[in-house]
Amino acid sequence: YIATVEGNFTQEYKLILEKGVTIDGKKTSPCRLKVKKHNKDKNKTIVEVILQEGFNRQVKKMFESVGYKVLKLHREEFAGISSRGLYEGQYRVLTKEEVHNLKNVPRGT
């Protein structure tokens, strides 16, 4: 995911989220975060988020748990299928391997 959050997302909160936080009574699995850009003028930070799991509104709830509001959220990849290089509204045909991977994604992911 690429998340745009309000404010200056700090290293302290990055480490907290990477270890996992409890949301909706459930602790999230460890994840990876990378601060891509901070725009001081607009008071926004762009953060790349790589999850090992995914439940309803997880990314937004994770950031909210440490006091950050998600302003924009974009999923770049799922089950090894990437949207990189595609413009909004554009599509491409999936390979047989990609279709196989989608059919074998565990439920609840």
PDB file of N, CA and C in Angstrom:
ATOM      1  N   TYR A   1       0.835  -1.183   0.000  1.00  0.00           N
ATOM      2  CA  TYR A   1       0.000   0.000   0.000  1.00  0.00           C
ATOM      3  C   TYR A   1       0.878   1.245   0.000  1.00  0.00           C
ATOM      4  N   ILE A   2       0.345   2.313  -0.556  1.00  0.00           N
ATOM      5  CA  ILE A   2       0.946   3.632  -0.418  1.00  0.00           C
ATOM      6  C   ILE A   2      -0.076   4.470   0.339  1.00  0.00           C
ATOM      7  N   ALA A   3       0.315   4.922   1.537  1.00  0.00           N
ATOM      8  CA  ALA A   3      -0.589   5.704   2.384  1.00  0.00           C
ATOM      9  C   ALA A   3      -0.066   7.137   2.494  1.00  0.00           C
ATOM     10  N   THR A   4      -0.943   8.089   2.310  1.00  0.00           N
ATOM     11  CA  THR A   4      -0.620   9.480   2.575  1.00  0.00           C
ATOM     12  C   THR A   4      -1.273   9.824   3.902  1.00  0.00           C
ATOM     13  N   VAL A   5      -0.439  10.185   4.891  1.00  0.00           N
ATOM     14  CA  VAL A   5      -0.954  10.476   6.221  1.00  0.00           C
ATOM     15  C   VAL A   5      -0.743  11.940   6.555  1.00  0.00           C
ATOM     16  N   GLU A   6      -1.621  12.424   7.408  1.00  0.00           N
ATOM     17  CA  GLU A   6      -1.549  13.806   7.850  1.00  0.00           C
ATOM     18  C   GLU A   6      -0.431  13.950   8.871  1.00  0.00           C
ATOM     19  N   GLY A   7       0.404  14.961   8.705  1.00  0.00           N
ATOM     20  CA  GLY A   7       1.463  15.240   9.671  1.00  0.00           C
ATOM     21  C   GLY A   7       2.798  14.624   9.299  1.00  0.00           C
ATOM     22  N   ASN A   8       3.745  14.766  10.213  1.00  0.00           N
ATOM     23  CA  ASN A   8       5.092  14.236  10.045  1.00  0.00           C
ATOM     24  C   ASN A   8       5.164  12.877  10.736  1.00  0.00           C
ATOM     25  N   PHE A   9       5.122  11.812   9.966  1.00  0.00           N
ATOM     26  CA  PHE A   9       5.162  10.458  10.510  1.00  0.00           C
ATOM     27  C   PHE A   9       6.584  10.175  10.988  1.00  0.00           C
ATOM     28  N   THR A  10       6.728   9.896  12.281  1.00  0.00           N
ATOM     29  CA  THR A  10       8.056   9.786  12.877  1.00  0.00           C
ATOM     30  C   THR A  10       8.550   8.342  12.959  1.00  0.00           C
ATOM     31  N   GLN A  11       9.845   8.204  13.137  1.00  0.00           N
ATOM     32  CA  GLN A  11      10.499   6.907  13.280  1.00  0.00           C
ATOM     33  C   GLN A  11       9.935   6.143  14.482  1.00  0.00           C
ATOM     34  N   GLU A  12       9.630   6.861  15.547  1.00  0.00           N
ATOM     35  CA  GLU A  12       9.077   6.239  16.759  1.00  0.00           C
ATOM     36  C   GLU A  12       7.795   5.460  16.444  1.00  0.00           C
ATOM     37  N   TYR A  13       6.878   6.087  15.706  1.00  0.00           N
ATOM     38  CA  TYR A  13       5.610   5.437  15.390  1.00  0.00           C
ATOM     39  C   TYR A  13       5.782   4.383  14.297  1.00  0.00           C
ATOM     40  N   LYS A  14       6.743   4.587  13.428  1.00  0.00           N
ATOM     41  CA  LYS A  14       7.058   3.577  12.414  1.00  0.00           C
ATOM     42  C   LYS A  14       7.429   2.261  13.096  1.00  0.00           C
ATOM     43  N   LEU A  15       8.291   2.322  14.091  1.00  0.00           N
ATOM     44  CA  LEU A  15       8.729   1.123  14.809  1.00  0.00           C
ATOM     45  C   LEU A  15       7.575   0.448  15.550  1.00  0.00           C
ATOM     46  N   ILE A  16       6.689   1.249  16.128  1.00  0.00           N
ATOM     47  CA  ILE A  16       5.523   0.695  16.836  1.00  0.00           C
ATOM     48  C   ILE A  16       4.650  -0.096  15.863  1.00  0.00           C
ATOM     49  N   LEU A  17       4.341   0.501  14.698  1.00  0.00           N
ATOM     50  CA  LEU A  17       3.482  -0.172  13.727  1.00  0.00           C
ATOM     51  C   LEU A  17       4.152  -1.417  13.149  1.00  0.00           C
ATOM     52  N   GLU A  18       5.460  -1.352  12.933  1.00  0.00           N
ATOM     53  CA  GLU A  18       6.169  -2.503  12.368  1.00  0.00           C
ATOM     54  C   GLU A  18       6.126  -3.719  13.302  1.00  0.00           C
ATOM     55  N   LYS A  19       6.096  -3.488  14.601  1.00  0.00           N
ATOM     56  CA  LYS A  19       6.035  -4.587  15.571  1.00  0.00           C
ATOM     57  C   LYS A  19       4.639  -5.175  15.692  1.00  0.00           C
ATOM     58  N   GLY A  20       3.633  -4.393  15.303  1.00  0.00           N
ATOM     59  CA  GLY A  20       2.240  -4.835  15.403  1.00  0.00           C
ATOM     60  C   GLY A  20       1.519  -4.072  16.493  1.00  0.00           C
ATOM     61  N   VAL A  21       0.274  -3.729  16.219  1.00  0.00           N
ATOM     62  CA  VAL A  21      -0.569  -3.012  17.172  1.00  0.00           C
ATOM     63  C   VAL A  21      -1.897  -3.755  17.302  1.00  0.00           C
ATOM     64  N   THR A  22      -2.602  -3.501  18.383  1.00  0.00           N
ATOM     65  CA  THR A  22      -3.900  -4.134  18.580  1.00  0.00           C
ATOM     66  C   THR A  22      -4.997  -3.206  18.063  1.00  0.00           C
ATOM     67  N   ILE A  23      -5.778  -3.740  17.126  1.00  0.00           N
ATOM     68  CA  ILE A  23      -6.930  -2.991  16.604  1.00  0.00           C
ATOM     69  C   ILE A  23      -8.112  -3.948  16.527  1.00  0.00           C
ATOM     70  N   ASP A  24      -9.243  -3.466  16.925  1.00  0.00           N
ATOM     71  CA  ASP A  24     -10.460  -4.285  16.963  1.00  0.00           C
ATOM     72  C   ASP A  24     -10.244  -5.576  17.753  1.00  0.00           C
ATOM     73  N   GLY A  25      -9.451  -5.488  18.826  1.00  0.00           N
ATOM     74  CA  GLY A  25      -9.215  -6.634  19.687  1.00  0.00           C
ATOM     75  C   GLY A  25      -8.257  -7.672  19.127  1.00  0.00           C
ATOM     76  N   LYS A  26      -7.605  -7.355  18.015  1.00  0.00           N
ATOM     77  CA  LYS A  26      -6.715  -8.297  17.369  1.00  0.00           C
ATOM     78  C   LYS A  26      -5.362  -7.626  17.113  1.00  0.00           C
ATOM     79  N   LYS A  27      -4.264  -8.331  17.438  1.00  0.00           N
ATOM     80  CA  LYS A  27      -2.932  -7.775  17.194  1.00  0.00           C
ATOM     81  C   LYS A  27      -2.534  -8.052  15.753  1.00  0.00           C
ATOM     82  N   THR A  28      -2.057  -7.011  15.087  1.00  0.00           N
ATOM     83  CA  THR A  28      -1.622  -7.163  13.706  1.00  0.00           C
ATOM     84  C   THR A  28      -0.268  -7.858  13.669  1.00  0.00           C
ATOM     85  N   SER A  29      -0.018  -8.561  12.585  1.00  0.00           N
ATOM     86  CA  SER A  29       1.283  -9.186  12.386  1.00  0.00           C
ATOM     87  C   SER A  29       2.315  -8.106  12.094  1.00  0.00           C
ATOM     88  N   PRO A  30       3.580  -8.406  12.348  1.00  0.00           N
ATOM     89  CA  PRO A  30       4.617  -7.429  11.994  1.00  0.00           C
ATOM     90  C   PRO A  30       4.528  -7.077  10.509  1.00  0.00           C
ATOM     91  N   CYS A  31       4.859  -5.843  10.198  1.00  0.00           N
ATOM     92  CA  CYS A  31       4.819  -5.374   8.816  1.00  0.00           C
ATOM     93  C   CYS A  31       6.061  -4.532   8.551  1.00  0.00           C
ATOM     94  N   ARG A  32       6.188  -4.082   7.325  1.00  0.00           N
ATOM     95  CA  ARG A  32       7.310  -3.201   6.974  1.00  0.00           C
ATOM     96  C   ARG A  32       6.751  -1.867   6.501  1.00  0.00           C
ATOM     97  N   LEU A  33       7.395  -0.797   6.947  1.00  0.00           N
ATOM     98  CA  LEU A  33       7.011   0.542   6.523  1.00  0.00           C
ATOM     99  C   LEU A  33       8.243   1.289   6.053  1.00  0.00           C
ATOM    100  N   LYS A  34       8.046   2.119   5.046  1.00  0.00           N
ATOM    101  CA  LYS A  34       9.132   2.952   4.544  1.00  0.00           C
ATOM    102  C   LYS A  34       8.574   4.331   4.247  1.00  0.00           C
ATOM    103  N   VAL A  35       9.143   5.343   4.882  1.00  0.00           N
ATOM    104  CA  VAL A  35       8.726   6.719   4.608  1.00  0.00           C
ATOM    105  C   VAL A  35       9.311   7.105   3.256  1.00  0.00           C
ATOM    106  N   LYS A  36       8.429   7.410   2.313  1.00  0.00           N
ATOM    107  CA  LYS A  36       8.862   7.744   0.950  1.00  0.00           C
ATOM    108  C   LYS A  36       9.130   9.241   0.798  1.00  0.00           C
ATOM    109  N   LYS A  37       8.270  10.057   1.446  1.00  0.00           N
ATOM    110  CA  LYS A  37       8.405  11.505   1.264  1.00  0.00           C
ATOM    111  C   LYS A  37       7.625  12.233   2.349  1.00  0.00           C
ATOM    112  N   HIS A  38       8.189  13.324   2.826  1.00  0.00           N
ATOM    113  CA  HIS A  38       7.454  14.192   3.752  1.00  0.00           C
ATOM    114  C   HIS A  38       7.350  15.567   3.115  1.00  0.00           C
ATOM    115  N   ASN A  39       6.132  16.070   3.000  1.00  0.00           N
ATOM    116  CA  ASN A  39       5.886  17.391   2.441  1.00  0.00           C
ATOM    117  C   ASN A  39       5.559  18.336   3.587  1.00  0.00           C
ATOM    118  N   LYS A  40       6.549  19.118   3.990  1.00  0.00           N
ATOM    119  CA  LYS A  40       6.357  20.037   5.121  1.00  0.00           C
ATOM    120  C   LYS A  40       5.308  21.098   4.814  1.00  0.00           C
ATOM    121  N   ASP A  41       5.288  21.587   3.566  1.00  0.00           N
ATOM    122  CA  ASP A  41       4.344  22.637   3.186  1.00  0.00           C
ATOM    123  C   ASP A  41       2.895  22.183   3.319  1.00  0.00           C
ATOM    124  N   LYS A  42       2.617  20.943   2.943  1.00  0.00           N
ATOM    125  CA  LYS A  42       1.250  20.423   3.006  1.00  0.00           C
ATOM    126  C   LYS A  42       1.000  19.592   4.253  1.00  0.00           C
ATOM    127  N   ASN A  43       2.038  19.436   5.087  1.00  0.00           N
ATOM    128  CA  ASN A  43       1.942  18.684   6.335  1.00  0.00           C
ATOM    129  C   ASN A  43       1.425  17.259   6.096  1.00  0.00           C
ATOM    130  N   LYS A  44       2.074  16.567   5.142  1.00  0.00           N
ATOM    131  CA  LYS A  44       1.700  15.197   4.777  1.00  0.00           C
ATOM    132  C   LYS A  44       2.953  14.338   4.660  1.00  0.00           C
ATOM    133  N   THR A  45       2.788  13.047   4.930  1.00  0.00           N
ATOM    134  CA  THR A  45       3.868  12.088   4.743  1.00  0.00           C
ATOM    135  C   THR A  45       3.343  10.923   3.911  1.00  0.00           C
ATOM    136  N   ILE A  46       4.151  10.486   2.938  1.00  0.00           N
ATOM    137  CA  ILE A  46       3.799   9.336   2.122  1.00  0.00           C
ATOM    138  C   ILE A  46       4.587   8.144   2.641  1.00  0.00           C
ATOM    139  N   VAL A  47       3.858   7.065   2.983  1.00  0.00           N
ATOM    140  CA  VAL A  47       4.465   5.887   3.598  1.00  0.00           C
ATOM    141  C   VAL A  47       4.093   4.639   2.791  1.00  0.00           C
ATOM    142  N   GLU A  48       5.105   3.824   2.475  1.00  0.00           N
ATOM    143  CA  GLU A  48       4.864   2.532   1.846  1.00  0.00           C
ATOM    144  C   GLU A  48       4.636   1.514   2.957  1.00  0.00           C
ATOM    145  N   VAL A  49       3.578   0.720   2.839  1.00  0.00           N
ATOM    146  CA  VAL A  49       3.214  -0.266   3.856  1.00  0.00           C
ATOM    147  C   VAL A  49       3.155  -1.646   3.208  1.00  0.00           C
ATOM    148  N   ILE A  50       3.910  -2.600   3.758  1.00  0.00           N
ATOM    149  CA  ILE A  50       3.880  -3.973   3.256  1.00  0.00           C
ATOM    150  C   ILE A  50       3.362  -4.866   4.369  1.00  0.00           C
ATOM    151  N   LEU A  51       2.183  -5.451   4.126  1.00  0.00           N
ATOM    152  CA  LEU A  51       1.517  -6.300   5.114  1.00  0.00           C
ATOM    153  C   LEU A  51       1.685  -7.778   4.775  1.00  0.00           C
ATOM    154  N   GLN A  52       1.627  -8.604   5.798  1.00  0.00           N
ATOM    155  CA  GLN A  52       1.624 -10.050   5.614  1.00  0.00           C
ATOM    156  C   GLN A  52       0.199 -10.600   5.724  1.00  0.00           C
ATOM    157  N   GLU A  53      -0.713  -9.741   6.122  1.00  0.00           N
ATOM    158  CA  GLU A  53      -2.122 -10.084   6.287  1.00  0.00           C
ATOM    159  C   GLU A  53      -2.914  -8.861   5.881  1.00  0.00           C
ATOM    160  N   GLY A  54      -4.185  -8.982   5.872  1.00  0.00           N
ATOM    161  CA  GLY A  54      -4.983  -7.807   5.567  1.00  0.00           C
ATOM    162  C   GLY A  54      -6.415  -8.036   5.983  1.00  0.00           C
ATOM    163  N   PHE A  55      -6.882  -7.249   6.930  1.00  0.00           N
ATOM    164  CA  PHE A  55      -8.286  -7.333   7.274  1.00  0.00           C
ATOM    165  C   PHE A  55      -8.922  -5.972   7.102  1.00  0.00           C
ATOM    166  N   ASN A  56     -10.213  -5.915   7.214  1.00  0.00           N
ATOM    167  CA  ASN A  56     -11.000  -4.740   6.888  1.00  0.00           C
ATOM    168  C   ASN A  56     -10.423  -3.442   7.438  1.00  0.00           C
ATOM    169  N   ARG A  57     -10.054  -2.554   6.526  1.00  0.00           N
ATOM    170  CA  ARG A  57      -9.555  -1.207   6.859  1.00  0.00           C
ATOM    171  C   ARG A  57      -8.322  -1.249   7.761  1.00  0.00           C
ATOM    172  N   GLN A  58      -7.512  -2.289   7.640  1.00  0.00           N
ATOM    173  CA  GLN A  58      -6.370  -2.474   8.533  1.00  0.00           C
ATOM    174  C   GLN A  58      -5.377  -1.321   8.490  1.00  0.00           C
ATOM    175  N   VAL A  59      -4.986  -0.881   7.316  1.00  0.00           N
ATOM    176  CA  VAL A  59      -3.968   0.170   7.220  1.00  0.00           C
ATOM    177  C   VAL A  59      -4.456   1.448   7.896  1.00  0.00           C
ATOM    178  N   LYS A  60      -5.684   1.851   7.598  1.00  0.00           N
ATOM    179  CA  LYS A  60      -6.224   3.070   8.212  1.00  0.00           C
ATOM    180  C   LYS A  60      -6.299   2.930   9.728  1.00  0.00           C
ATOM    181  N   LYS A  61      -6.753   1.780  10.193  1.00  0.00           N
ATOM    182  CA  LYS A  61      -6.862   1.570  11.639  1.00  0.00           C
ATOM    183  C   LYS A  61      -5.497   1.519  12.316  1.00  0.00           C
ATOM    184  N   MET A  62      -4.506   0.967  11.643  1.00  0.00           N
ATOM    185  CA  MET A  62      -3.151   0.932  12.212  1.00  0.00           C
ATOM    186  C   MET A  62      -2.643   2.352  12.451  1.00  0.00           C
ATOM    187  N   PHE A  63      -2.753   3.191  11.428  1.00  0.00           N
ATOM    188  CA  PHE A  63      -2.275   4.569  11.572  1.00  0.00           C
ATOM    189  C   PHE A  63      -3.087   5.331  12.619  1.00  0.00           C
ATOM    190  N   GLU A  64      -4.402   5.125  12.638  1.00  0.00           N
ATOM    191  CA  GLU A  64      -5.253   5.786  13.630  1.00  0.00           C
ATOM    192  C   GLU A  64      -4.850   5.390  15.052  1.00  0.00           C
ATOM    193  N   SER A  65      -4.399   4.142  15.231  1.00  0.00           N
ATOM    194  CA  SER A  65      -4.030   3.669  16.570  1.00  0.00           C
ATOM    195  C   SER A  65      -2.839   4.421  17.152  1.00  0.00           C
ATOM    196  N   VAL A  66      -2.040   5.066  16.280  1.00  0.00           N
ATOM    197  CA  VAL A  66      -0.904   5.858  16.768  1.00  0.00           C
ATOM    198  C   VAL A  66      -1.096   7.350  16.494  1.00  0.00           C
ATOM    199  N   GLY A  67      -2.351   7.735  16.188  1.00  0.00           N
ATOM    200  CA  GLY A  67      -2.694   9.152  16.093  1.00  0.00           C
ATOM    201  C   GLY A  67      -2.525   9.804  14.737  1.00  0.00           C
ATOM    202  N   TYR A  68      -2.457   9.026  13.661  1.00  0.00           N
ATOM    203  CA  TYR A  68      -2.307   9.598  12.322  1.00  0.00           C
ATOM    204  C   TYR A  68      -3.541   9.303  11.483  1.00  0.00           C
ATOM    205  N   LYS A  69      -4.013  10.308  10.760  1.00  0.00           N
ATOM    206  CA  LYS A  69      -5.159  10.149   9.871  1.00  0.00           C
ATOM    207  C   LYS A  69      -4.651   9.846   8.465  1.00  0.00           C
ATOM    208  N   VAL A  70      -5.211   8.796   7.848  1.00  0.00           N
ATOM    209  CA  VAL A  70      -4.870   8.458   6.465  1.00  0.00           C
ATOM    210  C   VAL A  70      -5.723   9.313   5.549  1.00  0.00           C
ATOM    211  N   LEU A  71      -5.067  10.098   4.719  1.00  0.00           N
ATOM    212  CA  LEU A  71      -5.767  10.984   3.801  1.00  0.00           C
ATOM    213  C   LEU A  71      -6.042  10.314   2.466  1.00  0.00           C
ATOM    214  N   LYS A  72      -5.133   9.415   2.071  1.00  0.00           N
ATOM    215  CA  LYS A  72      -5.255   8.731   0.785  1.00  0.00           C
ATOM    216  C   LYS A  72      -4.586   7.371   0.923  1.00  0.00           C
ATOM    217  N   LEU A  73      -5.174   6.343   0.289  1.00  0.00           N
ATOM    218  CA  LEU A  73      -4.630   4.999   0.387  1.00  0.00           C
ATOM    219  C   LEU A  73      -4.755   4.305  -0.964  1.00  0.00           C
ATOM    220  N   HIS A  74      -3.665   3.693  -1.405  1.00  0.00           N
ATOM    221  CA  HIS A  74      -3.654   2.999  -2.690  1.00  0.00           C
ATOM    222  C   HIS A  74      -2.982   1.641  -2.527  1.00  0.00           C
ATOM    223  N   ARG A  75      -3.668   0.581  -2.932  1.00  0.00           N
ATOM    224  CA  ARG A  75      -3.078  -0.760  -2.905  1.00  0.00           C
ATOM    225  C   ARG A  75      -2.324  -0.955  -4.216  1.00  0.00           C
ATOM    226  N   GLU A  76      -1.010  -1.168  -4.120  1.00  0.00           N
ATOM    227  CA  GLU A  76      -0.191  -1.346  -5.314  1.00  0.00           C
ATOM    228  C   GLU A  76      -0.044  -2.801  -5.735  1.00  0.00           C
ATOM    229  N   GLU A  77      -0.183  -3.719  -4.769  1.00  0.00           N
ATOM    230  CA  GLU A  77       0.046  -5.119  -5.099  1.00  0.00           C
ATOM    231  C   GLU A  77      -0.803  -6.014  -4.219  1.00  0.00           C
ATOM    232  N   PHE A  78      -1.243  -7.141  -4.813  1.00  0.00           N
ATOM    233  CA  PHE A  78      -1.979  -8.155  -4.062  1.00  0.00           C
ATOM    234  C   PHE A  78      -1.665  -9.507  -4.684  1.00  0.00           C
ATOM    235  N   ALA A  79      -1.286 -10.461  -3.864  1.00  0.00           N
ATOM    236  CA  ALA A  79      -0.982 -11.831  -4.307  1.00  0.00           C
ATOM    237  C   ALA A  79       0.035 -11.838  -5.442  1.00  0.00           C
ATOM    238  N   GLY A  80       0.993 -10.918  -5.385  1.00  0.00           N
ATOM    239  CA  GLY A  80       2.027 -10.860  -6.412  1.00  0.00           C
ATOM    240  C   GLY A  80       1.613 -10.151  -7.683  1.00  0.00           C
ATOM    241  N   ILE A  81       0.405  -9.608  -7.707  1.00  0.00           N
ATOM    242  CA  ILE A  81      -0.084  -8.883  -8.879  1.00  0.00           C
ATOM    243  C   ILE A  81       0.029  -7.395  -8.598  1.00  0.00           C
ATOM    244  N   SER A  82       0.752  -6.704  -9.455  1.00  0.00           N
ATOM    245  CA  SER A  82       1.049  -5.295  -9.227  1.00  0.00           C
ATOM    246  C   SER A  82       0.256  -4.399 -10.174  1.00  0.00           C
ATOM    247  N   SER A  83      -0.090  -3.216  -9.677  1.00  0.00           N
ATOM    248  CA  SER A  83      -0.745  -2.216 -10.527  1.00  0.00           C
ATOM    249  C   SER A  83       0.262  -1.160 -10.991  1.00  0.00           C
ATOM    250  N   ARG A  84       1.519  -1.346 -10.645  1.00  0.00           N
ATOM    251  CA  ARG A  84       2.551  -0.380 -11.050  1.00  0.00           C
ATOM    252  C   ARG A  84       2.595  -0.273 -12.579  1.00  0.00           C
ATOM    253  N   GLY A  85       2.713   0.929 -13.057  1.00  0.00           N
ATOM    254  CA  GLY A  85       2.791   1.156 -14.494  1.00  0.00           C
ATOM    255  C   GLY A  85       1.445   1.313 -15.179  1.00  0.00           C
ATOM    256  N   LEU A  86       0.355   1.072 -14.440  1.00  0.00           N
ATOM    257  CA  LEU A  86      -0.975   1.245 -15.016  1.00  0.00           C
ATOM    258  C   LEU A  86      -1.553   2.585 -14.569  1.00  0.00           C
ATOM    259  N   TYR A  87      -2.208   3.253 -15.480  1.00  0.00           N
ATOM    260  CA  TYR A  87      -2.889   4.491 -15.144  1.00  0.00           C
ATOM    261  C   TYR A  87      -4.279   4.168 -14.615  1.00  0.00           C
ATOM    262  N   GLU A  88      -4.877   5.107 -13.922  1.00  0.00           N
ATOM    263  CA  GLU A  88      -6.225   4.911 -13.399  1.00  0.00           C
ATOM    264  C   GLU A  88      -7.165   4.561 -14.549  1.00  0.00           C
ATOM    265  N   GLY A  89      -7.936   3.482 -14.371  1.00  0.00           N
ATOM    266  CA  GLY A  89      -8.880   3.027 -15.385  1.00  0.00           C
ATOM    267  C   GLY A  89      -8.273   2.079 -16.408  1.00  0.00           C
ATOM    268  N   GLN A  90      -6.951   1.958 -16.417  1.00  0.00           N
ATOM    269  CA  GLN A  90      -6.277   1.064 -17.354  1.00  0.00           C
ATOM    270  C   GLN A  90      -6.225  -0.344 -16.765  1.00  0.00           C
ATOM    271  N   TYR A  91      -6.148  -1.362 -17.607  1.00  0.00           N
ATOM    272  CA  TYR A  91      -6.070  -2.741 -17.134  1.00  0.00           C
ATOM    273  C   TYR A  91      -5.120  -3.530 -18.029  1.00  0.00           C
ATOM    274  N   ARG A  92      -4.815  -4.747 -17.596  1.00  0.00           N
ATOM    275  CA  ARG A  92      -4.037  -5.669 -18.411  1.00  0.00           C
ATOM    276  C   ARG A  92      -4.560  -7.076 -18.155  1.00  0.00           C
ATOM    277  N   VAL A  93      -4.278  -7.982 -19.049  1.00  0.00           N
ATOM    278  CA  VAL A  93      -4.700  -9.368 -18.918  1.00  0.00           C
ATOM    279  C   VAL A  93      -3.740 -10.062 -17.942  1.00  0.00           C
ATOM    280  N   LEU A  94      -4.296 -10.822 -17.005  1.00  0.00           N
ATOM    281  CA  LEU A  94      -3.473 -11.555 -16.051  1.00  0.00           C
ATOM    282  C   LEU A  94      -2.861 -12.786 -16.702  1.00  0.00           C
ATOM    283  N   THR A  95      -1.673 -13.158 -16.223  1.00  0.00           N
ATOM    284  CA  THR A  95      -1.042 -14.383 -16.701  1.00  0.00           C
ATOM    285  C   THR A  95      -1.704 -15.574 -16.019  1.00  0.00           C
ATOM    286  N   LYS A  96      -1.472 -16.764 -16.541  1.00  0.00           N
ATOM    287  CA  LYS A  96      -2.022 -17.976 -15.928  1.00  0.00           C
ATOM    288  C   LYS A  96      -1.503 -18.127 -14.500  1.00  0.00           C
ATOM    289  N   GLU A  97      -0.250 -17.808 -14.279  1.00  0.00           N
ATOM    290  CA  GLU A  97       0.345 -17.909 -12.935  1.00  0.00           C
ATOM    291  C   GLU A  97      -0.331 -16.937 -11.963  1.00  0.00           C
ATOM    292  N   GLU A  98      -0.620 -15.716 -12.416  1.00  0.00           N
ATOM    293  CA  GLU A  98      -1.292 -14.740 -11.562  1.00  0.00           C
ATOM    294  C   GLU A  98      -2.701 -15.204 -11.189  1.00  0.00           C
ATOM    295  N   VAL A  99      -3.430 -15.776 -12.142  1.00  0.00           N
ATOM    296  CA  VAL A  99      -4.766 -16.300 -11.863  1.00  0.00           C
ATOM    297  C   VAL A  99      -4.669 -17.433 -10.851  1.00  0.00           C
ATOM    298  N   HIS A 100      -3.696 -18.315 -11.025  1.00  0.00           N
ATOM    299  CA  HIS A 100      -3.480 -19.411 -10.079  1.00  0.00           C
ATOM    300  C   HIS A 100      -3.212 -18.858  -8.674  1.00  0.00           C
ATOM    301  N   ASN A 101      -2.346 -17.855  -8.572  1.00  0.00           N
ATOM    302  CA  ASN A 101      -2.036 -17.250  -7.267  1.00  0.00           C
ATOM    303  C   ASN A 101      -3.276 -16.657  -6.611  1.00  0.00           C
ATOM    304  N   LEU A 102      -4.118 -16.000  -7.389  1.00  0.00           N
ATOM    305  CA  LEU A 102      -5.348 -15.418  -6.840  1.00  0.00           C
ATOM    306  C   LEU A 102      -6.291 -16.489  -6.310  1.00  0.00           C
ATOM    307  N   LYS A 103      -6.387 -17.582  -7.032  1.00  0.00           N
ATOM    308  CA  LYS A 103      -7.288 -18.662  -6.603  1.00  0.00           C
ATOM    309  C   LYS A 103      -6.803 -19.339  -5.338  1.00  0.00           C
ATOM    310  N   ASN A 104      -5.523 -19.182  -5.024  1.00  0.00           N
ATOM    311  CA  ASN A 104      -4.953 -19.858  -3.853  1.00  0.00           C
ATOM    312  C   ASN A 104      -4.644 -18.926  -2.692  1.00  0.00           C
ATOM    313  N   VAL A 105      -5.163 -17.698  -2.737  1.00  0.00           N
ATOM    314  CA  VAL A 105      -4.985 -16.762  -1.623  1.00  0.00           C
ATOM    315  C   VAL A 105      -5.862 -17.236  -0.473  1.00  0.00           C
ATOM    316  N   PRO A 106      -5.294 -17.340   0.743  1.00  0.00           N
ATOM    317  CA  PRO A 106      -6.110 -17.747   1.896  1.00  0.00           C
ATOM    318  C   PRO A 106      -7.266 -16.778   2.122  1.00  0.00           C
ATOM    319  N   ARG A 107      -8.409 -17.305   2.521  1.00  0.00           N
ATOM    320  CA  ARG A 107      -9.571 -16.456   2.821  1.00  0.00           C
ATOM    321  C   ARG A 107      -9.251 -15.503   3.956  1.00  0.00           C
ATOM    322  N   GLY A 108      -9.817 -14.314   3.880  1.00  0.00           N
ATOM    323  CA  GLY A 108      -9.614 -13.327   4.944  1.00  0.00           C
ATOM    324  C   GLY A 108      -8.389 -12.472   4.722  1.00  0.00           C
ATOM    325  N   THR A 109      -7.699 -12.671   3.605  1.00  0.00           N
ATOM    326  CA  THR A 109      -6.495 -11.896   3.322  1.00  0.00           C
ATOM    327  C   THR A 109      -6.855 -10.611   2.628  1.00  0.00           C
TER     328      THR A 109
END
